[in-house]
PDB file of N, CA and C in Angstrom:
ATOM      1  N   MET A   1    -113.614-160.487 -16.392  1.00  0.00           N
ATOM      2  CA  MET A   1    -113.643-160.718 -14.963  1.00  0.00           C
ATOM      3  C   MET A   1    -112.213-160.587 -14.405  1.00  0.00           C
ATOM      4  N   ALA A   2    -111.302-161.359 -14.689  1.00  0.00           N
ATOM      5  CA  ALA A   2    -109.955-161.231 -14.213  1.00  0.00           C
ATOM      6  C   ALA A   2    -108.992-160.807 -15.238  1.00  0.00           C
ATOM      7  N   GLY A   3    -108.605-159.516 -15.362  1.00  0.00           N
ATOM      8  CA  GLY A   3    -107.899-159.024 -16.435  1.00  0.00           C
ATOM      9  C   GLY A   3    -106.398-159.282 -16.226  1.00  0.00           C
ATOM     10  N   GLN A   4    -105.932-159.286 -14.983  1.00  0.00           N
ATOM     11  CA  GLN A   4    -104.539-159.531 -14.661  1.00  0.00           C
ATOM     12  C   GLN A   4    -104.500-160.244 -13.373  1.00  0.00           C
ATOM     13  N   ASP A   5    -103.393-160.835 -13.076  1.00  0.00           N
ATOM     14  CA  ASP A   5    -103.231-161.594 -11.782  1.00  0.00           C
ATOM     15  C   ASP A   5    -103.510-160.741 -10.580  1.00  0.00           C
ATOM     16  N   GLY A   6    -104.325-161.212  -9.758  1.00  0.00           N
ATOM     17  CA  GLY A   6    -104.585-160.432  -8.413  1.00  0.00           C
ATOM     18  C   GLY A   6    -105.591-159.281  -8.578  1.00  0.00           C
ATOM     19  N   VAL A   7    -106.183-159.227  -9.733  1.00  0.00           N
ATOM     20  CA  VAL A   7    -107.307-158.149  -9.858  1.00  0.00           C
ATOM     21  C   VAL A   7    -108.572-158.849 -10.478  1.00  0.00           C
ATOM     22  N   VAL A   8    -109.629-158.493  -9.878  1.00  0.00           N
ATOM     23  CA  VAL A   8    -111.009-158.972 -10.393  1.00  0.00           C
ATOM     24  C   VAL A   8    -111.769-157.731 -10.619  1.00  0.00           C
ATOM     25  N   PHE A   9    -112.142-157.564 -11.869  1.00  0.00           N
ATOM     26  CA  PHE A   9    -112.999-156.287 -12.230  1.00  0.00           C
ATOM     27  C   PHE A   9    -114.494-156.734 -12.202  1.00  0.00           C
ATOM     28  N   ILE A  10    -115.267-156.000 -11.445  1.00  0.00           N
ATOM     29  CA  ILE A  10    -116.632-156.369 -11.223  1.00  0.00           C
ATOM     30  C   ILE A  10    -117.541-155.674 -12.381  1.00  0.00           C
ATOM     31  N   GLY A  11    -118.429-156.502 -12.937  1.00  0.00           N
ATOM     32  CA  GLY A  11    -119.332-155.937 -13.991  1.00  0.00           C
ATOM     33  C   GLY A  11    -120.727-156.349 -13.695  1.00  0.00           C
ATOM     34  N   THR A  12    -121.407-156.928 -14.665  1.00  0.00           N
ATOM     35  CA  THR A  12    -122.854-157.140 -14.535  1.00  0.00           C
ATOM     36  C   THR A  12    -123.317-158.594 -14.269  1.00  0.00           C
ATOM     37  N   LYS A  13    -122.283-159.472 -14.161  1.00  0.00           N
ATOM     38  CA  LYS A  13    -122.569-160.885 -13.902  1.00  0.00           C
ATOM     39  C   LYS A  13    -122.997-161.081 -12.463  1.00  0.00           C
ATOM     40  N   SER A  14    -123.455-162.325 -12.119  1.00  0.00           N
ATOM     41  CA  SER A  14    -123.873-162.543 -10.681  1.00  0.00           C
ATOM     42  C   SER A  14    -122.698-162.539  -9.747  1.00  0.00           C
ATOM     43  N   PRO A  15    -122.863-162.110  -8.514  1.00  0.00           N
ATOM     44  CA  PRO A  15    -121.735-162.011  -7.589  1.00  0.00           C
ATOM     45  C   PRO A  15    -120.991-163.331  -7.469  1.00  0.00           C
ATOM     46  N   MET A  16    -121.618-164.494  -7.534  1.00  0.00           N
ATOM     47  CA  MET A  16    -120.932-165.791  -7.363  1.00  0.00           C
ATOM     48  C   MET A  16    -119.935-165.977  -8.507  1.00  0.00           C
ATOM     49  N   SER A  17    -120.126-165.410  -9.699  1.00  0.00           N
ATOM     50  CA  SER A  17    -119.079-165.547 -10.740  1.00  0.00           C
ATOM     51  C   SER A  17    -117.812-164.898 -10.335  1.00  0.00           C
ATOM     52  N   TYR A  18    -117.904-163.786  -9.710  1.00  0.00           N
ATOM     53  CA  TYR A  18    -116.738-163.005  -9.269  1.00  0.00           C
ATOM     54  C   TYR A  18    -116.105-163.641  -7.930  1.00  0.00           C
ATOM     55  N   VAL A  19    -116.974-164.216  -7.099  1.00  0.00           N
ATOM     56  CA  VAL A  19    -116.552-164.918  -5.926  1.00  0.00           C
ATOM     57  C   VAL A  19    -115.600-166.032  -6.379  1.00  0.00           C
ATOM     58  N   LEU A  20    -116.081-166.803  -7.340  1.00  0.00           N
ATOM     59  CA  LEU A  20    -115.260-167.912  -7.911  1.00  0.00           C
ATOM     60  C   LEU A  20    -113.951-167.419  -8.462  1.00  0.00           C
ATOM     61  N   ALA A  21    -113.942-166.318  -9.144  1.00  0.00           N
ATOM     62  CA  ALA A  21    -112.688-165.779  -9.675  1.00  0.00           C
ATOM     63  C   ALA A  21    -111.700-165.421  -8.479  1.00  0.00           C
ATOM     64  N   VAL A  22    -112.299-164.783  -7.473  1.00  0.00           N
ATOM     65  CA  VAL A  22    -111.387-164.400  -6.290  1.00  0.00           C
ATOM     66  C   VAL A  22    -110.808-165.632  -5.683  1.00  0.00           C
ATOM     67  N   VAL A  23    -111.717-166.602  -5.392  1.00  0.00           N
ATOM     68  CA  VAL A  23    -111.253-167.805  -4.658  1.00  0.00           C
ATOM     69  C   VAL A  23    -110.266-168.547  -5.510  1.00  0.00           C
ATOM     70  N   THR A  24    -110.460-168.670  -6.800  1.00  0.00           N
ATOM     71  CA  THR A  24    -109.536-169.298  -7.672  1.00  0.00           C
ATOM     72  C   THR A  24    -108.180-168.607  -7.685  1.00  0.00           C
ATOM     73  N   GLN A  25    -108.124-167.276  -7.592  1.00  0.00           N
ATOM     74  CA  GLN A  25    -106.786-166.632  -7.590  1.00  0.00           C
ATOM     75  C   GLN A  25    -106.109-166.881  -6.248  1.00  0.00           C
ATOM     76  N   PHE A  26    -106.859-166.927  -5.145  1.00  0.00           N
ATOM     77  CA  PHE A  26    -106.225-167.272  -3.904  1.00  0.00           C
ATOM     78  C   PHE A  26    -105.676-168.724  -3.840  1.00  0.00           C
ATOM     79  N   HIS A  27    -106.532-169.651  -4.419  1.00  0.00           N
ATOM     80  CA  HIS A  27    -105.998-171.013  -4.547  1.00  0.00           C
ATOM     81  C   HIS A  27    -104.859-171.208  -5.437  1.00  0.00           C
ATOM     82  N   GLY A  28    -104.673-170.258  -6.327  1.00  0.00           N
ATOM     83  CA  GLY A  28    -103.561-170.290  -7.266  1.00  0.00           C
ATOM     84  C   GLY A  28    -102.251-169.800  -6.638  1.00  0.00           C
ATOM     85  N   GLY A  29    -102.317-169.463  -5.370  1.00  0.00           N
ATOM     86  CA  GLY A  29    -101.125-169.104  -4.660  1.00  0.00           C
ATOM     87  C   GLY A  29    -100.944-167.687  -4.288  1.00  0.00           C
ATOM     88  N   LEU A  30    -101.856-166.792  -4.784  1.00  0.00           N
ATOM     89  CA  LEU A  30    -101.792-165.350  -4.534  1.00  0.00           C
ATOM     90  C   LEU A  30    -102.069-165.083  -3.018  1.00  0.00           C
ATOM     91  N   LYS A  31    -101.403-164.115  -2.466  1.00  0.00           N
ATOM     92  CA  LYS A  31    -101.631-163.788  -1.099  1.00  0.00           C
ATOM     93  C   LYS A  31    -102.492-162.469  -0.979  1.00  0.00           C
ATOM     94  N   GLN A  32    -102.730-161.879  -2.113  1.00  0.00           N
ATOM     95  CA  GLN A  32    -103.548-160.676  -2.189  1.00  0.00           C
ATOM     96  C   GLN A  32    -104.290-160.496  -3.525  1.00  0.00           C
ATOM     97  N   VAL A  33    -105.555-160.220  -3.411  1.00  0.00           N
ATOM     98  CA  VAL A  33    -106.471-160.050  -4.547  1.00  0.00           C
ATOM     99  C   VAL A  33    -107.246-158.719  -4.416  1.00  0.00           C
ATOM    100  N   GLN A  34    -107.184-157.940  -5.513  1.00  0.00           N
ATOM    101  CA  GLN A  34    -107.916-156.662  -5.516  1.00  0.00           C
ATOM    102  C   GLN A  34    -109.210-156.822  -6.289  1.00  0.00           C
ATOM    103  N   ILE A  35    -110.313-156.279  -5.715  1.00  0.00           N
ATOM    104  CA  ILE A  35    -111.594-156.297  -6.363  1.00  0.00           C
ATOM    105  C   ILE A  35    -111.872-154.825  -6.728  1.00  0.00           C
ATOM    106  N   LYS A  36    -112.103-154.585  -8.046  1.00  0.00           N
ATOM    107  CA  LYS A  36    -112.285-153.183  -8.518  1.00  0.00           C
ATOM    108  C   LYS A  36    -113.633-153.099  -9.228  1.00  0.00           C
ATOM    109  N   ALA A  37    -114.301-151.951  -8.920  1.00  0.00           N
ATOM    110  CA  ALA A  37    -115.670-151.695  -9.481  1.00  0.00           C
ATOM    111  C   ALA A  37    -115.838-150.242  -9.677  1.00  0.00           C
ATOM    112  N   ARG A  38    -116.749-149.846 -10.521  1.00  0.00           N
ATOM    113  CA  ARG A  38    -117.186-148.466 -10.779  1.00  0.00           C
ATOM    114  C   ARG A  38    -118.756-148.405 -10.816  1.00  0.00           C
ATOM    115  N   GLY A  39    -119.223-147.253 -10.404  1.00  0.00           N
ATOM    116  CA  GLY A  39    -120.653-146.962 -10.503  1.00  0.00           C
ATOM    117  C   GLY A  39    -121.558-147.908  -9.791  1.00  0.00           C
ATOM    118  N   LYS A  40    -122.552-148.429 -10.578  1.00  0.00           N
ATOM    119  CA  LYS A  40    -123.551-149.331  -9.975  1.00  0.00           C
ATOM    120  C   LYS A  40    -122.951-150.640  -9.476  1.00  0.00           C
ATOM    121  N   ALA A  41    -121.869-151.007 -10.008  1.00  0.00           N
ATOM    122  CA  ALA A  41    -121.220-152.321  -9.589  1.00  0.00           C
ATOM    123  C   ALA A  41    -120.533-152.252  -8.315  1.00  0.00           C
ATOM    124  N   ILE A  42    -120.460-151.113  -7.648  1.00  0.00           N
ATOM    125  CA  ILE A  42    -119.783-151.007  -6.325  1.00  0.00           C
ATOM    126  C   ILE A  42    -120.403-151.893  -5.299  1.00  0.00           C
ATOM    127  N   SER A  43    -121.792-151.839  -5.168  1.00  0.00           N
ATOM    128  CA  SER A  43    -122.472-152.683  -4.237  1.00  0.00           C
ATOM    129  C   SER A  43    -122.176-154.182  -4.436  1.00  0.00           C
ATOM    130  N   ARG A  44    -122.012-154.552  -5.716  1.00  0.00           N
ATOM    131  CA  ARG A  44    -121.741-155.950  -6.101  1.00  0.00           C
ATOM    132  C   ARG A  44    -120.329-156.293  -5.647  1.00  0.00           C
ATOM    133  N   ALA A  45    -119.428-155.362  -5.759  1.00  0.00           N
ATOM    134  CA  ALA A  45    -118.044-155.571  -5.290  1.00  0.00           C
ATOM    135  C   ALA A  45    -117.952-155.879  -3.785  1.00  0.00           C
ATOM    136  N   VAL A  46    -118.748-155.089  -3.091  1.00  0.00           N
ATOM    137  CA  VAL A  46    -118.864-155.204  -1.571  1.00  0.00           C
ATOM    138  C   VAL A  46    -119.427-156.595  -1.249  1.00  0.00           C
ATOM    139  N   ASP A  47    -120.493-156.941  -1.963  1.00  0.00           N
ATOM    140  CA  ASP A  47    -121.061-158.283  -1.793  1.00  0.00           C
ATOM    141  C   ASP A  47    -120.070-159.486  -1.978  1.00  0.00           C
ATOM    142  N   VAL A  48    -119.348-159.346  -3.090  1.00  0.00           N
ATOM    143  CA  VAL A  48    -118.372-160.335  -3.445  1.00  0.00           C
ATOM    144  C   VAL A  48    -117.261-160.410  -2.256  1.00  0.00           C
ATOM    145  N   ALA A  49    -116.780-159.309  -1.803  1.00  0.00           N
ATOM    146  CA  ALA A  49    -115.802-159.343  -0.745  1.00  0.00           C
ATOM    147  C   ALA A  49    -116.331-160.024   0.492  1.00  0.00           C
ATOM    148  N   GLU A  50    -117.572-159.707   0.828  1.00  0.00           N
ATOM    149  CA  GLU A  50    -118.160-160.283   2.088  1.00  0.00           C
ATOM    150  C   GLU A  50    -118.491-161.805   1.890  1.00  0.00           C
ATOM    151  N   ILE A  51    -118.945-162.140   0.716  1.00  0.00           N
ATOM    152  CA  ILE A  51    -119.259-163.604   0.433  1.00  0.00           C
ATOM    153  C   ILE A  51    -117.891-164.400   0.558  1.00  0.00           C
ATOM    154  N   VAL A  52    -116.837-163.880  -0.085  1.00  0.00           N
ATOM    155  CA  VAL A  52    -115.576-164.547   0.058  1.00  0.00           C
ATOM    156  C   VAL A  52    -115.147-164.747   1.473  1.00  0.00           C
ATOM    157  N   ARG A  53    -115.238-163.691   2.274  1.00  0.00           N
ATOM    158  CA  ARG A  53    -114.762-163.714   3.628  1.00  0.00           C
ATOM    159  C   ARG A  53    -115.622-164.605   4.495  1.00  0.00           C
ATOM    160  N   ASN A  54    -116.884-164.460   4.380  1.00  0.00           N
ATOM    161  CA  ASN A  54    -117.854-165.149   5.331  1.00  0.00           C
ATOM    162  C   ASN A  54    -118.253-166.586   4.971  1.00  0.00           C
ATOM    163  N   ARG A  55    -118.219-166.931   3.675  1.00  0.00           N
ATOM    164  CA  ARG A  55    -118.697-168.244   3.263  1.00  0.00           C
ATOM    165  C   ARG A  55    -117.591-169.141   2.815  1.00  0.00           C
ATOM    166  N   PHE A  56    -116.533-168.597   2.227  1.00  0.00           N
ATOM    167  CA  PHE A  56    -115.572-169.508   1.566  1.00  0.00           C
ATOM    168  C   PHE A  56    -114.194-169.439   2.156  1.00  0.00           C
ATOM    169  N   MET A  57    -113.630-168.308   2.596  1.00  0.00           N
ATOM    170  CA  MET A  57    -112.252-168.260   3.081  1.00  0.00           C
ATOM    171  C   MET A  57    -112.261-167.328   4.328  1.00  0.00           C
ATOM    172  N   ALA A  58    -112.461-168.037   5.455  1.00  0.00           N
ATOM    173  CA  ALA A  58    -112.515-167.237   6.769  1.00  0.00           C
ATOM    174  C   ALA A  58    -111.143-166.545   7.145  1.00  0.00           C
ATOM    175  N   ASP A  59    -110.056-167.103   6.509  1.00  0.00           N
ATOM    176  CA  ASP A  59    -108.750-166.546   6.907  1.00  0.00           C
ATOM    177  C   ASP A  59    -108.418-165.303   6.054  1.00  0.00           C
ATOM    178  N   VAL A  60    -109.296-164.908   5.138  1.00  0.00           N
ATOM    179  CA  VAL A  60    -109.037-163.732   4.323  1.00  0.00           C
ATOM    180  C   VAL A  60    -109.594-162.471   4.996  1.00  0.00           C
ATOM    181  N   LYS A  61    -108.840-161.487   5.024  1.00  0.00           N
ATOM    182  CA  LYS A  61    -109.181-160.150   5.606  1.00  0.00           C
ATOM    183  C   LYS A  61    -109.175-159.022   4.598  1.00  0.00           C
ATOM    184  N   ILE A  62    -109.922-157.943   4.867  1.00  0.00           N
ATOM    185  CA  ILE A  62    -109.888-156.758   4.052  1.00  0.00           C
ATOM    186  C   ILE A  62    -108.727-155.945   4.482  1.00  0.00           C
ATOM    187  N   SER A  63    -107.719-155.774   3.599  1.00  0.00           N
ATOM    188  CA  SER A  63    -106.525-155.119   4.123  1.00  0.00           C
ATOM    189  C   SER A  63    -106.570-153.622   3.735  1.00  0.00           C
ATOM    190  N   GLU A  64    -107.304-153.264   2.683  1.00  0.00           N
ATOM    191  CA  GLU A  64    -107.372-151.911   2.292  1.00  0.00           C
ATOM    192  C   GLU A  64    -108.623-151.668   1.409  1.00  0.00           C
ATOM    193  N   ILE A  65    -109.174-150.476   1.571  1.00  0.00           N
ATOM    194  CA  ILE A  65    -110.332-150.034   0.785  1.00  0.00           C
ATOM    195  C   ILE A  65    -110.057-148.575   0.259  1.00  0.00           C
ATOM    196  N   LYS A  66    -110.072-148.419  -1.086  1.00  0.00           N
ATOM    197  CA  LYS A  66    -109.822-147.085  -1.667  1.00  0.00           C
ATOM    198  C   LYS A  66    -111.024-146.730  -2.428  1.00  0.00           C
ATOM    199  N   THR A  67    -111.535-145.522  -2.287  1.00  0.00           N
ATOM    200  CA  THR A  67    -112.652-145.003  -3.053  1.00  0.00           C
ATOM    201  C   THR A  67    -112.057-143.839  -3.785  1.00  0.00           C
ATOM    202  N   GLY A  68    -112.799-143.504  -4.875  1.00  0.00           N
ATOM    203  CA  GLY A  68    -112.377-142.384  -5.626  1.00  0.00           C
ATOM    204  C   GLY A  68    -113.426-142.019  -6.760  1.00  0.00           C
ATOM    205  N   THR A  69    -113.084-141.102  -7.645  1.00  0.00           N
ATOM    206  CA  THR A  69    -113.943-140.630  -8.691  1.00  0.00           C
ATOM    207  C   THR A  69    -113.051-140.639  -9.970  1.00  0.00           C
ATOM    208  N   GLU A  70    -113.655-141.298 -10.972  1.00  0.00           N
ATOM    209  CA  GLU A  70    -113.013-141.295 -12.245  1.00  0.00           C
ATOM    210  C   GLU A  70    -113.774-140.503 -13.229  1.00  0.00           C
ATOM    211  N   THR A  71    -113.208-139.880 -14.154  1.00  0.00           N
ATOM    212  CA  THR A  71    -113.835-139.138 -15.167  1.00  0.00           C
ATOM    213  C   THR A  71    -113.802-139.936 -16.526  1.00  0.00           C
ATOM    214  N   ILE A  72    -114.984-140.150 -17.056  1.00  0.00           N
ATOM    215  CA  ILE A  72    -115.036-140.864 -18.306  1.00  0.00           C
ATOM    216  C   ILE A  72    -115.787-140.028 -19.304  1.00  0.00           C
ATOM    217  N   LYS A  73    -115.632-140.388 -20.542  1.00  0.00           N
ATOM    218  CA  LYS A  73    -116.411-139.637 -21.601  1.00  0.00           C
ATOM    219  C   LYS A  73    -117.694-140.309 -21.746  1.00  0.00           C
ATOM    220  N   GLY A  74    -118.760-139.496 -21.868  1.00  0.00           N
ATOM    221  CA  GLY A  74    -120.118-139.936 -22.120  1.00  0.00           C
ATOM    222  C   GLY A  74    -120.357-140.233 -23.588  1.00  0.00           C
ATOM    223  N   GLU A  75    -121.591-140.597 -23.930  1.00  0.00           N
ATOM    224  CA  GLU A  75    -121.970-140.936 -25.222  1.00  0.00           C
ATOM    225  C   GLU A  75    -121.815-139.715 -26.223  1.00  0.00           C
ATOM    226  N   LYS A  76    -122.122-138.559 -25.606  1.00  0.00           N
ATOM    227  CA  LYS A  76    -122.012-137.273 -26.477  1.00  0.00           C
ATOM    228  C   LYS A  76    -120.699-136.573 -26.366  1.00  0.00           C
ATOM    229  N   GLY A  77    -119.692-137.220 -25.684  1.00  0.00           N
ATOM    230  CA  GLY A  77    -118.399-136.680 -25.553  1.00  0.00           C
ATOM    231  C   GLY A  77    -118.192-135.856 -24.352  1.00  0.00           C
ATOM    232  N   GLU A  78    -119.222-135.715 -23.489  1.00  0.00           N
ATOM    233  CA  GLU A  78    -119.109-134.981 -22.246  1.00  0.00           C
ATOM    234  C   GLU A  78    -118.443-135.705 -21.165  1.00  0.00           C
ATOM    235  N   ASP A  79    -117.771-135.084 -20.252  1.00  0.00           N
ATOM    236  CA  ASP A  79    -117.179-135.708 -19.086  1.00  0.00           C
ATOM    237  C   ASP A  79    -118.135-136.086 -18.047  1.00  0.00           C
ATOM    238  N   ILE A  80    -118.077-137.266 -17.558  1.00  0.00           N
ATOM    239  CA  ILE A  80    -118.986-137.810 -16.563  1.00  0.00           C
ATOM    240  C   ILE A  80    -118.134-138.321 -15.405  1.00  0.00           C
ATOM    241  N   ASN A  81    -118.511-137.960 -14.181  1.00  0.00           N
ATOM    242  CA  ASN A  81    -117.795-138.451 -12.998  1.00  0.00           C
ATOM    243  C   ASN A  81    -118.445-139.675 -12.509  1.00  0.00           C
ATOM    244  N   VAL A  82    -117.660-140.781 -12.284  1.00  0.00           N
ATOM    245  CA  VAL A  82    -118.144-142.046 -11.856  1.00  0.00           C
ATOM    246  C   VAL A  82    -117.372-142.466 -10.618  1.00  0.00           C
ATOM    247  N   SER A  83    -118.065-142.895  -9.522  1.00  0.00           N
ATOM    248  CA  SER A  83    -117.424-143.289  -8.296  1.00  0.00           C
ATOM    249  C   SER A  83    -116.739-144.671  -8.547  1.00  0.00           C
ATOM    250  N   SER A  84    -115.627-144.890  -7.851  1.00  0.00           N
ATOM    251  CA  SER A  84    -114.961-146.178  -8.029  1.00  0.00           C
ATOM    252  C   SER A  84    -114.529-146.665  -6.657  1.00  0.00           C
ATOM    253  N   ILE A  85    -114.306-148.021  -6.553  1.00  0.00           N
ATOM    254  CA  ILE A  85    -113.800-148.604  -5.325  1.00  0.00           C
ATOM    255  C   ILE A  85    -112.825-149.747  -5.646  1.00  0.00           C
ATOM    256  N   GLU A  86    -111.840-149.843  -4.751  1.00  0.00           N
ATOM    257  CA  GLU A  86    -110.878-150.939  -4.833  1.00  0.00           C
ATOM    258  C   GLU A  86    -110.753-151.554  -3.506  1.00  0.00           C
ATOM    259  N   ILE A  87    -111.164-152.831  -3.372  1.00  0.00           N
ATOM    260  CA  ILE A  87    -111.111-153.559  -2.083  1.00  0.00           C
ATOM    261  C   ILE A  87    -109.942-154.574  -2.227  1.00  0.00           C
ATOM    262  N   THR A  88    -109.060-154.498  -1.329  1.00  0.00           N
ATOM    263  CA  THR A  88    -107.899-155.442  -1.342  1.00  0.00           C
ATOM    264  C   THR A  88    -108.087-156.475  -0.223  1.00  0.00           C
ATOM    265  N   LEU A  89    -108.152-157.765  -0.728  1.00  0.00           N
ATOM    266  CA  LEU A  89    -108.327-158.887   0.209  1.00  0.00           C
ATOM    267  C   LEU A  89    -106.849-159.539   0.350  1.00  0.00           C
ATOM    268  N   SER A  90    -106.545-159.883   1.653  1.00  0.00           N
ATOM    269  CA  SER A  90    -105.280-160.540   1.855  1.00  0.00           C
ATOM    270  C   SER A  90    -105.439-161.753   2.733  1.00  0.00           C
ATOM    271  N   LYS A  91    -104.552-162.772   2.501  1.00  0.00           N
ATOM    272  CA  LYS A  91    -104.544-163.944   3.346  1.00  0.00           C
ATOM    273  C   LYS A  91    -103.617-163.706   4.564  1.00  0.00           C
TER     274      LYS A  91
END
């Protein structure tokens, strides 16, 4: 979930698990938290950002959104393009 300070990687858990991670990092004194996701988890990342902003921390704003494509190796060694997103929340 949180691999390094200020970054939350979105996976397959419920959105509220990641919301807790983001809110915890803000309460720990950070002014900026990045939410990162790839592929099918992108919609969950957007949900997490919106839940944090609308339900828990009204003073948090989306300061930056980056989208991109990452190339990963598939099961058979082939290159697969996967969409990615980074949402930066700031106090």
